[in-house]
């Protein structure tokens, strides 16, 4: 299954038409993704029925948030909830651990929609403890490159995590996933979901052909 990170409505619509199974809607590619506009979600929803998960990230930088930022994230969940299929966020504490209280609060506000813990997980020092905490908080899935800079470097770690936790939480492999490496990544990790921005040129626009190629390879190797 293929999830495409899209940073504008046009890319979301194009990725859906090219065969993506799900969209992760964000804004600001250069910042690594922040909360998108409600208008972008509405425009994608008007054009495609596939699931659209919305990123909640109030700013670039670290994943330690103030009380004011937390309240704003709760407000955004309520605003996006009628149109969203799920939410993507991640809050850490100053010890590089999953913040149990704050993440649990957001998961509860988002319910019954599923939540994904994003690549803030790759900054968690204890991956096993972190996954146990995500499960306790109620996350449906986690996006990770195995604590490494990219999916290729972290594939071995993700394979171990998939074997240990895959029946309890969906592990999504991300970080430089491309048509050129997807076959190898799938054979190594055996996860169900793969995450790519499919951006191959400067800017924030998805490469439609890249989406098609990744999806074709995934389907041929089922």
N, C-alpha and C. Protein backbone atom coordinates (compact mmCIF):
# COMPACT_ATOMS: atom_id res chain seq x y z
N UNK A 1 0.85 -1.18 0.00
CA UNK A 1 0.00 0.00 0.00
C UNK A 1 0.89 1.24 0.00
N UNK A 2 0.44 2.25 -0.74
CA UNK A 2 1.28 3.42 -0.96
C UNK A 2 0.61 4.70 -0.46
N UNK A 3 1.30 5.38 0.45
CA UNK A 3 0.87 6.67 0.95
C UNK A 3 1.80 7.74 0.37
N UNK A 4 1.21 8.79 -0.21
CA UNK A 4 1.99 9.87 -0.79
C UNK A 4 1.82 11.12 0.05
N UNK A 5 2.96 11.69 0.49
CA UNK A 5 2.95 12.97 1.20
C UNK A 5 2.80 14.08 0.17
N UNK A 6 1.77 14.89 0.32
CA UNK A 6 1.48 15.96 -0.64
C UNK A 6 1.47 17.30 0.08
N UNK A 7 2.07 18.30 -0.56
CA UNK A 7 2.26 19.59 0.08
C UNK A 7 1.38 20.68 -0.52
N UNK A 8 0.48 20.29 -1.39
CA UNK A 8 -0.51 21.21 -1.95
C UNK A 8 -1.64 20.39 -2.54
N UNK A 9 -2.76 21.05 -2.79
CA UNK A 9 -3.94 20.35 -3.27
C UNK A 9 -3.71 19.71 -4.64
N UNK A 10 -3.01 20.42 -5.51
CA UNK A 10 -2.77 19.90 -6.85
C UNK A 10 -2.02 18.57 -6.82
N UNK A 11 -1.03 18.48 -5.95
CA UNK A 11 -0.28 17.23 -5.83
C UNK A 11 -1.15 16.11 -5.26
N UNK A 12 -2.01 16.45 -4.30
CA UNK A 12 -2.89 15.44 -3.73
C UNK A 12 -3.83 14.86 -4.77
N UNK A 13 -4.41 15.71 -5.57
CA UNK A 13 -5.33 15.26 -6.62
C UNK A 13 -4.58 14.42 -7.65
N UNK A 14 -3.39 14.88 -8.05
CA UNK A 14 -2.60 14.16 -9.04
C UNK A 14 -2.15 12.80 -8.51
N UNK A 15 -1.72 12.74 -7.25
CA UNK A 15 -1.26 11.49 -6.67
C UNK A 15 -2.39 10.47 -6.59
N UNK A 16 -3.57 10.95 -6.24
CA UNK A 16 -4.73 10.05 -6.18
C UNK A 16 -5.03 9.47 -7.55
N UNK A 17 -5.00 10.30 -8.57
CA UNK A 17 -5.28 9.83 -9.93
C UNK A 17 -4.19 8.88 -10.44
N UNK A 18 -2.98 9.04 -9.91
CA UNK A 18 -1.86 8.19 -10.33
C UNK A 18 -1.83 6.85 -9.60
N UNK A 19 -2.73 6.66 -8.61
CA UNK A 19 -2.84 5.36 -7.98
C UNK A 19 -2.47 5.27 -6.52
N UNK A 20 -2.22 6.40 -5.87
CA UNK A 20 -1.92 6.36 -4.43
C UNK A 20 -3.09 5.75 -3.67
N UNK A 21 -2.78 5.02 -2.62
CA UNK A 21 -3.83 4.44 -1.78
C UNK A 21 -4.30 5.40 -0.70
N UNK A 22 -3.42 6.34 -0.34
CA UNK A 22 -3.76 7.31 0.71
C UNK A 22 -2.87 8.54 0.54
N UNK A 23 -3.40 9.69 0.94
CA UNK A 23 -2.65 10.93 0.92
C UNK A 23 -2.35 11.36 2.35
N UNK A 24 -1.10 11.78 2.59
CA UNK A 24 -0.78 12.51 3.82
C UNK A 24 -0.66 13.97 3.41
N UNK A 25 -1.59 14.80 3.86
CA UNK A 25 -1.62 16.19 3.44
C UNK A 25 -0.84 17.07 4.42
N UNK A 26 0.14 17.80 3.89
CA UNK A 26 0.98 18.69 4.68
C UNK A 26 1.11 20.02 3.94
N UNK A 27 1.96 20.87 4.47
CA UNK A 27 2.39 22.09 3.79
C UNK A 27 3.87 22.28 4.09
N UNK A 28 4.56 23.04 3.25
CA UNK A 28 5.94 23.44 3.46
C UNK A 28 6.92 22.27 3.45
N UNK A 29 7.22 21.80 2.27
CA UNK A 29 8.15 20.68 2.08
C UNK A 29 9.51 20.97 2.70
N UNK A 30 10.00 22.21 2.52
CA UNK A 30 11.32 22.57 3.02
C UNK A 30 11.42 22.42 4.54
N UNK A 31 10.31 22.60 5.23
CA UNK A 31 10.28 22.49 6.69
C UNK A 31 10.05 21.05 7.15
N UNK A 32 9.88 20.15 6.22
CA UNK A 32 9.61 18.77 6.59
C UNK A 32 8.14 18.49 6.82
N UNK A 33 7.29 19.47 6.48
CA UNK A 33 5.85 19.30 6.63
C UNK A 33 5.30 19.97 7.86
N UNK A 34 4.30 20.82 7.67
CA UNK A 34 3.55 21.43 8.78
C UNK A 34 2.06 21.32 8.44
N UNK A 35 1.22 21.80 9.34
CA UNK A 35 -0.22 21.71 9.15
C UNK A 35 -0.64 22.42 7.85
N UNK A 36 -1.43 21.76 7.02
CA UNK A 36 -1.88 22.39 5.76
C UNK A 36 -3.08 23.30 5.99
N UNK A 37 -3.54 23.91 4.93
CA UNK A 37 -4.75 24.73 5.01
C UNK A 37 -5.99 23.85 4.88
N UNK A 38 -7.07 24.32 5.48
CA UNK A 38 -8.33 23.59 5.35
C UNK A 38 -8.81 23.59 3.90
N UNK A 39 -8.52 24.68 3.19
CA UNK A 39 -8.91 24.78 1.79
C UNK A 39 -8.27 23.68 0.95
N UNK A 40 -7.00 23.36 1.23
CA UNK A 40 -6.33 22.29 0.47
C UNK A 40 -7.03 20.96 0.68
N UNK A 41 -7.43 20.67 1.91
CA UNK A 41 -8.15 19.42 2.18
C UNK A 41 -9.48 19.39 1.44
N UNK A 42 -10.22 20.48 1.47
CA UNK A 42 -11.50 20.53 0.79
C UNK A 42 -11.36 20.31 -0.71
N UNK A 43 -10.33 20.89 -1.30
CA UNK A 43 -10.13 20.74 -2.75
C UNK A 43 -9.82 19.30 -3.13
N UNK A 44 -9.00 18.63 -2.32
CA UNK A 44 -8.69 17.23 -2.60
C UNK A 44 -9.93 16.37 -2.40
N UNK A 45 -10.66 16.61 -1.34
CA UNK A 45 -11.87 15.84 -1.06
C UNK A 45 -12.90 15.96 -2.18
N UNK A 46 -12.94 17.11 -2.84
CA UNK A 46 -13.90 17.31 -3.93
C UNK A 46 -13.54 16.51 -5.17
N UNK A 47 -12.28 16.05 -5.23
CA UNK A 47 -11.80 15.39 -6.45
C UNK A 47 -11.56 13.90 -6.32
N UNK A 48 -11.41 13.40 -5.08
CA UNK A 48 -11.06 11.99 -4.93
C UNK A 48 -11.65 11.41 -3.65
N UNK A 49 -12.03 10.13 -3.66
CA UNK A 49 -12.58 9.49 -2.46
C UNK A 49 -11.53 8.80 -1.60
N UNK A 50 -10.25 8.75 -2.03
CA UNK A 50 -9.28 8.00 -1.24
C UNK A 50 -9.01 8.70 0.09
N UNK A 51 -8.55 7.97 1.09
CA UNK A 51 -8.31 8.56 2.41
C UNK A 51 -7.27 9.68 2.37
N UNK A 52 -7.52 10.71 3.15
CA UNK A 52 -6.59 11.83 3.30
C UNK A 52 -6.33 12.05 4.78
N UNK A 53 -5.10 11.75 5.21
CA UNK A 53 -4.70 12.00 6.59
C UNK A 53 -4.02 13.36 6.67
N UNK A 54 -4.37 14.13 7.67
CA UNK A 54 -3.88 15.51 7.80
C UNK A 54 -2.78 15.60 8.85
N UNK A 55 -1.65 16.21 8.46
CA UNK A 55 -0.58 16.43 9.42
C UNK A 55 -0.92 17.58 10.36
N UNK A 56 -0.63 17.38 11.63
CA UNK A 56 -0.77 18.44 12.63
C UNK A 56 0.62 18.75 13.15
N UNK A 57 1.18 19.84 12.68
CA UNK A 57 2.50 20.28 13.15
C UNK A 57 2.50 21.80 13.07
N UNK A 58 2.40 22.48 14.20
CA UNK A 58 2.18 23.93 14.20
C UNK A 58 3.36 24.75 13.71
N UNK A 59 4.54 24.12 13.66
CA UNK A 59 5.74 24.87 13.24
C UNK A 59 6.84 23.88 12.89
N UNK A 60 7.85 24.41 12.19
CA UNK A 60 9.05 23.61 11.95
C UNK A 60 9.88 23.56 13.23
N UNK A 61 10.90 22.70 13.22
CA UNK A 61 11.77 22.62 14.39
C UNK A 61 11.51 21.37 15.20
N UNK A 62 11.73 21.45 16.50
CA UNK A 62 11.61 20.27 17.34
C UNK A 62 10.15 19.88 17.57
N UNK A 63 9.97 18.78 18.29
CA UNK A 63 8.63 18.23 18.50
C UNK A 63 8.20 18.34 19.96
N UNK A 64 8.76 19.33 20.65
CA UNK A 64 8.38 19.63 22.02
C UNK A 64 7.52 20.88 21.97
N UNK A 65 6.25 20.75 22.37
CA UNK A 65 5.31 21.84 22.16
C UNK A 65 4.83 22.46 23.48
N UNK A 66 4.52 23.74 23.41
CA UNK A 66 4.00 24.47 24.56
C UNK A 66 2.53 24.11 24.78
N UNK A 67 1.99 24.50 25.92
CA UNK A 67 0.57 24.28 26.20
C UNK A 67 -0.29 25.00 25.16
N UNK A 68 0.13 26.18 24.78
CA UNK A 68 -0.62 26.94 23.77
C UNK A 68 -0.62 26.22 22.42
N UNK A 69 0.51 25.66 22.04
CA UNK A 69 0.59 24.91 20.78
C UNK A 69 -0.26 23.65 20.84
N UNK A 70 -0.27 22.99 21.99
CA UNK A 70 -1.10 21.80 22.15
C UNK A 70 -2.57 22.13 21.99
N UNK A 71 -3.01 23.21 22.60
CA UNK A 71 -4.41 23.60 22.49
C UNK A 71 -4.76 23.95 21.04
N UNK A 72 -3.83 24.56 20.35
CA UNK A 72 -4.06 24.90 18.94
C UNK A 72 -4.19 23.63 18.11
N UNK A 73 -3.40 22.61 18.40
CA UNK A 73 -3.50 21.33 17.69
C UNK A 73 -4.85 20.67 17.93
N UNK A 74 -5.35 20.78 19.14
CA UNK A 74 -6.69 20.24 19.43
C UNK A 74 -7.75 20.97 18.63
N UNK A 75 -7.62 22.29 18.55
CA UNK A 75 -8.56 23.08 17.76
C UNK A 75 -8.51 22.68 16.28
N UNK A 76 -7.31 22.45 15.77
CA UNK A 76 -7.16 22.06 14.37
C UNK A 76 -7.80 20.70 14.11
N UNK A 77 -7.67 19.77 15.05
CA UNK A 77 -8.31 18.48 14.87
C UNK A 77 -9.82 18.65 14.71
N UNK A 78 -10.41 19.45 15.56
CA UNK A 78 -11.85 19.67 15.48
C UNK A 78 -12.24 20.34 14.16
N UNK A 79 -11.39 21.22 13.66
CA UNK A 79 -11.69 21.91 12.40
C UNK A 79 -11.59 20.98 11.20
N UNK A 80 -10.56 20.12 11.19
CA UNK A 80 -10.35 19.23 10.06
C UNK A 80 -11.20 17.95 10.13
N UNK A 81 -11.67 17.60 11.29
CA UNK A 81 -12.27 16.28 11.53
C UNK A 81 -13.41 15.94 10.58
N UNK A 82 -14.31 16.87 10.21
CA UNK A 82 -15.40 16.49 9.32
C UNK A 82 -14.94 16.02 7.94
N UNK A 83 -13.75 16.45 7.50
CA UNK A 83 -13.26 16.11 6.17
C UNK A 83 -12.08 15.14 6.17
N UNK A 84 -11.37 15.03 7.26
CA UNK A 84 -10.16 14.21 7.32
C UNK A 84 -10.49 12.74 7.50
N UNK A 85 -9.56 11.89 7.06
CA UNK A 85 -9.68 10.45 7.29
C UNK A 85 -8.90 10.01 8.52
N UNK A 86 -7.95 10.84 8.93
CA UNK A 86 -7.12 10.54 10.08
C UNK A 86 -6.14 11.68 10.28
N UNK A 87 -5.28 11.56 11.29
CA UNK A 87 -4.33 12.63 11.61
C UNK A 87 -2.93 12.08 11.81
N UNK A 88 -1.95 12.93 11.54
CA UNK A 88 -0.54 12.57 11.64
C UNK A 88 0.15 13.62 12.51
N UNK A 89 0.73 13.19 13.62
CA UNK A 89 1.40 14.13 14.52
C UNK A 89 2.36 13.36 15.41
N UNK A 90 3.12 14.09 16.20
CA UNK A 90 4.03 13.45 17.14
C UNK A 90 4.58 14.45 18.12
N UNK A 91 4.48 14.15 19.40
CA UNK A 91 4.99 15.04 20.45
C UNK A 91 5.99 14.27 21.31
N UNK A 92 7.17 14.86 21.49
CA UNK A 92 8.20 14.28 22.32
C UNK A 92 8.40 15.13 23.58
N UNK A 93 9.03 14.55 24.58
CA UNK A 93 9.43 15.35 25.74
C UNK A 93 10.92 15.67 25.64
N UNK A 94 11.44 16.35 26.63
CA UNK A 94 12.83 16.81 26.57
C UNK A 94 13.84 15.67 26.72
N UNK A 95 13.36 14.47 27.04
CA UNK A 95 14.25 13.30 27.14
C UNK A 95 14.21 12.45 25.89
N UNK A 96 13.66 13.00 24.80
CA UNK A 96 13.54 12.28 23.53
C UNK A 96 12.70 11.01 23.70
N UNK A 97 11.62 11.15 24.47
CA UNK A 97 10.66 10.07 24.66
C UNK A 97 9.31 10.52 24.12
N UNK A 98 8.46 9.56 23.81
CA UNK A 98 7.09 9.86 23.42
C UNK A 98 6.37 10.47 24.62
N UNK A 99 5.76 11.64 24.43
CA UNK A 99 5.03 12.32 25.50
C UNK A 99 3.66 11.66 25.65
N UNK A 100 3.55 10.80 26.66
CA UNK A 100 2.33 10.00 26.82
C UNK A 100 1.08 10.86 26.99
N UNK A 101 1.14 11.81 27.89
CA UNK A 101 -0.04 12.59 28.22
C UNK A 101 -0.54 13.39 27.02
N UNK A 102 0.33 14.11 26.37
CA UNK A 102 -0.10 15.01 25.29
C UNK A 102 -0.53 14.24 24.05
N UNK A 103 0.21 13.20 23.71
CA UNK A 103 -0.22 12.42 22.55
C UNK A 103 -1.55 11.73 22.81
N UNK A 104 -1.74 11.21 24.01
CA UNK A 104 -3.00 10.56 24.34
C UNK A 104 -4.17 11.53 24.25
N UNK A 105 -3.95 12.76 24.68
CA UNK A 105 -5.01 13.76 24.60
C UNK A 105 -5.42 14.01 23.14
N UNK A 106 -4.44 14.12 22.26
CA UNK A 106 -4.75 14.37 20.85
C UNK A 106 -5.44 13.16 20.21
N UNK A 107 -4.97 11.97 20.54
CA UNK A 107 -5.62 10.76 20.01
C UNK A 107 -7.08 10.71 20.44
N UNK A 108 -7.35 11.09 21.67
CA UNK A 108 -8.72 11.08 22.17
C UNK A 108 -9.59 12.11 21.47
N UNK A 109 -9.03 13.29 21.20
CA UNK A 109 -9.79 14.32 20.49
C UNK A 109 -10.07 13.86 19.05
N UNK A 110 -9.12 13.17 18.45
CA UNK A 110 -9.27 12.71 17.07
C UNK A 110 -10.23 11.55 16.92
N UNK A 111 -10.45 10.77 17.97
CA UNK A 111 -11.29 9.57 17.90
C UNK A 111 -12.68 9.91 17.33
N UNK A 112 -13.22 9.01 16.50
CA UNK A 112 -12.74 7.66 16.19
C UNK A 112 -11.78 7.59 15.00
N UNK A 113 -11.31 8.72 14.50
CA UNK A 113 -10.38 8.69 13.37
C UNK A 113 -9.01 8.19 13.83
N UNK A 114 -8.32 7.42 13.00
CA UNK A 114 -7.01 6.87 13.38
C UNK A 114 -5.91 7.91 13.33
N UNK A 115 -4.88 7.69 14.14
CA UNK A 115 -3.76 8.62 14.21
C UNK A 115 -2.44 7.91 13.92
N UNK A 116 -1.58 8.59 13.19
CA UNK A 116 -0.23 8.12 12.88
C UNK A 116 0.78 8.99 13.60
N UNK A 117 1.75 8.37 14.26
CA UNK A 117 2.86 9.11 14.85
C UNK A 117 3.92 9.27 13.77
N UNK A 118 4.28 10.51 13.44
CA UNK A 118 5.16 10.74 12.29
C UNK A 118 6.63 10.52 12.64
N UNK A 119 7.53 10.99 11.77
CA UNK A 119 8.94 10.64 11.91
C UNK A 119 9.65 11.30 13.09
N UNK A 120 8.92 11.99 13.93
CA UNK A 120 9.49 12.35 15.23
C UNK A 120 9.94 11.08 15.95
N UNK A 121 9.33 9.96 15.59
CA UNK A 121 9.70 8.68 16.20
C UNK A 121 11.19 8.37 15.98
N UNK A 122 11.75 8.85 14.87
CA UNK A 122 13.14 8.55 14.58
C UNK A 122 14.11 9.30 15.49
N UNK A 123 13.60 10.21 16.31
CA UNK A 123 14.42 10.89 17.31
C UNK A 123 14.32 10.23 18.69
N UNK A 124 13.42 9.26 18.82
CA UNK A 124 13.26 8.55 20.10
C UNK A 124 14.45 7.62 20.31
N UNK A 125 15.08 7.71 21.46
CA UNK A 125 16.30 6.94 21.71
C UNK A 125 16.01 5.46 21.93
N UNK A 126 14.89 5.13 22.53
CA UNK A 126 14.52 3.74 22.81
C UNK A 126 13.34 3.36 21.91
N UNK A 127 13.64 2.75 20.78
CA UNK A 127 12.59 2.44 19.80
C UNK A 127 11.56 1.47 20.37
N UNK A 128 12.00 0.46 21.09
CA UNK A 128 11.06 -0.52 21.66
C UNK A 128 10.15 0.14 22.68
N UNK A 129 10.74 0.92 23.57
CA UNK A 129 9.93 1.62 24.56
C UNK A 129 9.00 2.62 23.90
N UNK A 130 9.48 3.27 22.85
CA UNK A 130 8.66 4.22 22.13
C UNK A 130 7.46 3.58 21.47
N UNK A 131 7.67 2.42 20.85
CA UNK A 131 6.54 1.73 20.21
C UNK A 131 5.53 1.25 21.23
N UNK A 132 6.01 0.75 22.36
CA UNK A 132 5.08 0.33 23.41
C UNK A 132 4.24 1.52 23.87
N UNK A 133 4.86 2.70 23.97
CA UNK A 133 4.13 3.89 24.39
C UNK A 133 3.13 4.33 23.33
N UNK A 134 3.50 4.25 22.05
CA UNK A 134 2.56 4.60 20.99
C UNK A 134 1.33 3.71 21.02
N UNK A 135 1.55 2.43 21.25
CA UNK A 135 0.43 1.49 21.35
C UNK A 135 -0.45 1.85 22.55
N UNK A 136 0.19 2.19 23.65
CA UNK A 136 -0.56 2.58 24.86
C UNK A 136 -1.36 3.85 24.62
N UNK A 137 -0.81 4.78 23.87
CA UNK A 137 -1.51 6.05 23.57
C UNK A 137 -2.68 5.86 22.61
N UNK A 138 -2.68 4.76 21.87
CA UNK A 138 -3.78 4.50 20.96
C UNK A 138 -3.50 4.80 19.50
N UNK A 139 -2.24 5.00 19.13
CA UNK A 139 -1.91 5.24 17.73
C UNK A 139 -2.17 3.99 16.89
N UNK A 140 -2.68 4.22 15.69
CA UNK A 140 -2.92 3.12 14.77
C UNK A 140 -1.67 2.76 13.98
N UNK A 141 -0.77 3.72 13.80
CA UNK A 141 0.39 3.49 12.95
C UNK A 141 1.52 4.44 13.32
N UNK A 142 2.72 4.13 12.81
CA UNK A 142 3.89 4.97 13.03
C UNK A 142 4.68 5.03 11.73
N UNK A 143 5.11 6.24 11.37
CA UNK A 143 5.94 6.45 10.19
C UNK A 143 7.38 6.54 10.63
N UNK A 144 8.26 5.71 10.03
CA UNK A 144 9.63 5.67 10.49
C UNK A 144 10.60 5.25 9.41
N UNK A 145 11.85 5.70 9.56
CA UNK A 145 12.95 5.20 8.74
C UNK A 145 13.90 4.40 9.62
N UNK A 146 13.38 3.90 10.71
CA UNK A 146 14.18 3.07 11.60
C UNK A 146 15.23 3.82 12.38
N UNK A 147 14.97 5.11 12.63
CA UNK A 147 15.92 5.91 13.39
C UNK A 147 17.14 6.33 12.61
N UNK A 148 17.14 6.11 11.32
CA UNK A 148 18.25 6.47 10.45
C UNK A 148 17.83 7.60 9.50
N UNK A 149 18.78 8.20 8.78
CA UNK A 149 18.43 9.34 7.92
C UNK A 149 17.46 9.01 6.80
N UNK A 150 17.43 7.75 6.36
CA UNK A 150 16.54 7.38 5.27
C UNK A 150 16.14 5.91 5.39
N UNK A 151 15.17 5.53 4.58
CA UNK A 151 14.61 4.18 4.65
C UNK A 151 15.63 3.10 4.29
N UNK A 152 16.51 3.40 3.34
CA UNK A 152 17.50 2.41 2.94
C UNK A 152 18.44 2.08 4.10
N UNK A 153 18.89 3.11 4.81
CA UNK A 153 19.80 2.90 5.94
C UNK A 153 19.10 2.21 7.11
N UNK A 154 17.81 2.49 7.27
CA UNK A 154 17.08 1.95 8.42
C UNK A 154 16.25 0.72 8.17
N UNK A 155 16.34 0.17 6.97
CA UNK A 155 15.47 -0.96 6.60
C UNK A 155 15.65 -2.16 7.53
N UNK A 156 16.88 -2.43 7.93
CA UNK A 156 17.12 -3.57 8.80
C UNK A 156 16.43 -3.40 10.15
N UNK A 157 16.51 -2.21 10.70
CA UNK A 157 15.84 -1.93 11.98
C UNK A 157 14.33 -2.02 11.83
N UNK A 158 13.81 -1.46 10.75
CA UNK A 158 12.36 -1.52 10.52
C UNK A 158 11.89 -2.96 10.38
N UNK A 159 12.69 -3.79 9.74
CA UNK A 159 12.33 -5.21 9.59
C UNK A 159 12.17 -5.87 10.96
N UNK A 160 13.08 -5.54 11.88
CA UNK A 160 13.00 -6.10 13.24
C UNK A 160 11.76 -5.58 13.95
N UNK A 161 11.51 -4.27 13.84
CA UNK A 161 10.33 -3.70 14.48
C UNK A 161 9.05 -4.28 13.91
N UNK A 162 9.02 -4.50 12.61
CA UNK A 162 7.84 -5.09 11.98
C UNK A 162 7.59 -6.49 12.52
N UNK A 163 8.64 -7.25 12.66
CA UNK A 163 8.50 -8.62 13.16
C UNK A 163 8.00 -8.64 14.61
N UNK A 164 8.47 -7.67 15.41
CA UNK A 164 8.14 -7.66 16.83
C UNK A 164 6.79 -7.00 17.12
N UNK A 165 6.45 -5.95 16.35
CA UNK A 165 5.28 -5.14 16.69
C UNK A 165 4.23 -5.04 15.60
N UNK A 166 4.49 -5.60 14.44
CA UNK A 166 3.62 -5.42 13.28
C UNK A 166 2.18 -5.85 13.47
N UNK A 167 1.94 -6.77 14.40
CA UNK A 167 0.57 -7.21 14.64
C UNK A 167 -0.15 -6.31 15.64
N UNK A 168 0.58 -5.38 16.24
CA UNK A 168 -0.02 -4.50 17.25
C UNK A 168 -0.15 -3.05 16.78
N UNK A 169 0.68 -2.65 15.82
CA UNK A 169 0.64 -1.30 15.28
C UNK A 169 1.17 -1.35 13.85
N UNK A 170 0.56 -0.60 12.97
CA UNK A 170 0.99 -0.58 11.57
C UNK A 170 2.26 0.25 11.44
N UNK A 171 3.30 -0.33 10.90
CA UNK A 171 4.57 0.37 10.70
C UNK A 171 4.67 0.80 9.24
N UNK A 172 4.80 2.11 9.03
CA UNK A 172 4.89 2.69 7.69
C UNK A 172 6.34 3.07 7.43
N UNK A 173 6.91 2.58 6.35
CA UNK A 173 8.31 2.89 6.03
C UNK A 173 8.37 4.15 5.18
N UNK A 174 9.16 5.13 5.63
CA UNK A 174 9.32 6.37 4.87
C UNK A 174 10.74 6.87 4.96
N UNK A 175 11.04 7.88 4.14
CA UNK A 175 12.37 8.47 4.14
C UNK A 175 13.13 8.12 2.88
N UNK A 176 12.87 8.83 1.80
CA UNK A 176 13.57 8.56 0.55
C UNK A 176 13.11 7.32 -0.17
N UNK A 177 11.86 6.93 0.01
CA UNK A 177 11.31 5.78 -0.71
C UNK A 177 11.04 6.20 -2.15
N UNK A 178 11.60 5.45 -3.10
CA UNK A 178 11.47 5.77 -4.52
C UNK A 178 11.27 4.49 -5.33
N UNK A 179 10.92 4.68 -6.59
CA UNK A 179 10.75 3.53 -7.47
C UNK A 179 12.06 2.75 -7.62
N UNK A 180 13.18 3.44 -7.46
CA UNK A 180 14.48 2.79 -7.62
C UNK A 180 14.86 1.87 -6.46
N UNK A 181 14.22 2.05 -5.31
CA UNK A 181 14.58 1.21 -4.16
C UNK A 181 13.40 0.48 -3.52
N UNK A 182 12.20 0.71 -4.01
CA UNK A 182 11.02 0.15 -3.35
C UNK A 182 11.02 -1.38 -3.35
N UNK A 183 11.50 -2.00 -4.40
CA UNK A 183 11.51 -3.46 -4.45
C UNK A 183 12.42 -4.02 -3.35
N UNK A 184 13.61 -3.44 -3.21
CA UNK A 184 14.53 -3.88 -2.17
C UNK A 184 13.99 -3.62 -0.78
N UNK A 185 13.39 -2.43 -0.58
CA UNK A 185 12.84 -2.08 0.72
C UNK A 185 11.71 -3.02 1.12
N UNK A 186 10.88 -3.37 0.17
CA UNK A 186 9.78 -4.27 0.48
C UNK A 186 10.28 -5.66 0.84
N UNK A 187 11.26 -6.15 0.10
CA UNK A 187 11.78 -7.49 0.38
C UNK A 187 12.48 -7.54 1.74
N UNK A 188 13.07 -6.41 2.15
CA UNK A 188 13.77 -6.39 3.43
C UNK A 188 12.83 -6.23 4.62
N UNK A 189 11.85 -5.33 4.51
CA UNK A 189 11.06 -4.95 5.68
C UNK A 189 9.75 -5.69 5.84
N UNK A 190 9.12 -6.01 4.74
CA UNK A 190 7.81 -6.71 4.76
C UNK A 190 6.71 -5.93 5.45
N UNK A 191 6.83 -4.59 5.48
CA UNK A 191 5.74 -3.80 6.05
C UNK A 191 4.62 -3.70 5.01
N UNK A 192 3.44 -3.29 5.45
CA UNK A 192 2.30 -3.19 4.54
C UNK A 192 2.28 -1.84 3.82
N UNK A 193 2.70 -0.77 4.50
CA UNK A 193 2.58 0.58 3.96
C UNK A 193 3.94 1.20 3.70
N UNK A 194 4.03 1.91 2.56
CA UNK A 194 5.24 2.64 2.17
C UNK A 194 4.85 4.10 1.90
N UNK A 195 5.72 5.02 2.32
CA UNK A 195 5.42 6.45 2.31
C UNK A 195 6.46 7.17 1.48
N UNK A 196 6.01 7.97 0.53
CA UNK A 196 6.92 8.73 -0.33
C UNK A 196 6.31 10.06 -0.70
N UNK A 197 7.16 11.08 -0.85
CA UNK A 197 6.69 12.36 -1.38
C UNK A 197 6.67 12.32 -2.91
N UNK A 198 7.44 11.40 -3.49
CA UNK A 198 7.52 11.25 -4.96
C UNK A 198 7.84 12.58 -5.64
N UNK A 199 8.68 13.37 -4.98
CA UNK A 199 9.14 14.64 -5.56
C UNK A 199 10.53 14.40 -6.12
N UNK A 200 10.70 14.60 -7.42
CA UNK A 200 11.97 14.31 -8.07
C UNK A 200 12.62 15.53 -8.69
N UNK A 201 11.95 16.67 -8.61
CA UNK A 201 12.47 17.92 -9.15
C UNK A 201 12.37 19.00 -8.07
N UNK A 202 13.11 20.10 -8.20
CA UNK A 202 12.98 21.19 -7.22
C UNK A 202 11.54 21.67 -7.10
N UNK A 203 11.12 22.01 -5.90
CA UNK A 203 9.75 22.44 -5.67
C UNK A 203 8.99 21.45 -4.82
N UNK A 204 7.67 21.56 -4.83
CA UNK A 204 6.82 20.73 -3.98
C UNK A 204 5.84 19.87 -4.77
N UNK A 205 6.01 19.77 -6.08
CA UNK A 205 5.04 19.06 -6.90
C UNK A 205 5.37 17.58 -7.01
N UNK A 206 4.36 16.75 -6.83
CA UNK A 206 4.52 15.31 -6.96
C UNK A 206 4.82 14.94 -8.41
N UNK A 207 5.65 13.93 -8.59
CA UNK A 207 5.93 13.38 -9.91
C UNK A 207 4.94 12.24 -10.16
N UNK A 208 3.99 12.48 -11.03
CA UNK A 208 2.92 11.50 -11.26
C UNK A 208 3.48 10.16 -11.72
N UNK A 209 4.44 10.21 -12.61
CA UNK A 209 5.00 8.97 -13.13
C UNK A 209 5.73 8.19 -12.03
N UNK A 210 6.37 8.90 -11.11
CA UNK A 210 7.04 8.24 -10.00
C UNK A 210 6.02 7.52 -9.11
N UNK A 211 4.89 8.15 -8.85
CA UNK A 211 3.83 7.50 -8.07
C UNK A 211 3.38 6.22 -8.77
N UNK A 212 3.16 6.31 -10.06
CA UNK A 212 2.71 5.14 -10.82
C UNK A 212 3.74 4.01 -10.77
N UNK A 213 5.00 4.36 -10.92
CA UNK A 213 6.05 3.34 -10.92
C UNK A 213 6.17 2.66 -9.57
N UNK A 214 6.14 3.44 -8.49
CA UNK A 214 6.20 2.83 -7.16
C UNK A 214 5.02 1.89 -6.95
N UNK A 215 3.84 2.34 -7.30
CA UNK A 215 2.64 1.52 -7.10
C UNK A 215 2.67 0.28 -7.97
N UNK A 216 3.13 0.41 -9.19
CA UNK A 216 3.23 -0.76 -10.08
C UNK A 216 4.14 -1.82 -9.49
N UNK A 217 5.27 -1.38 -8.95
CA UNK A 217 6.22 -2.34 -8.36
C UNK A 217 5.60 -3.00 -7.12
N UNK A 218 4.95 -2.22 -6.29
CA UNK A 218 4.32 -2.80 -5.09
C UNK A 218 3.27 -3.84 -5.46
N UNK A 219 2.48 -3.55 -6.45
CA UNK A 219 1.41 -4.47 -6.84
C UNK A 219 1.95 -5.73 -7.51
N UNK A 220 3.03 -5.59 -8.24
CA UNK A 220 3.62 -6.75 -8.91
C UNK A 220 4.30 -7.68 -7.92
N UNK A 221 4.70 -7.17 -6.76
CA UNK A 221 5.41 -8.00 -5.79
C UNK A 221 4.52 -8.44 -4.63
N UNK A 222 3.21 -8.32 -4.78
CA UNK A 222 2.30 -8.75 -3.73
C UNK A 222 2.32 -10.26 -3.58
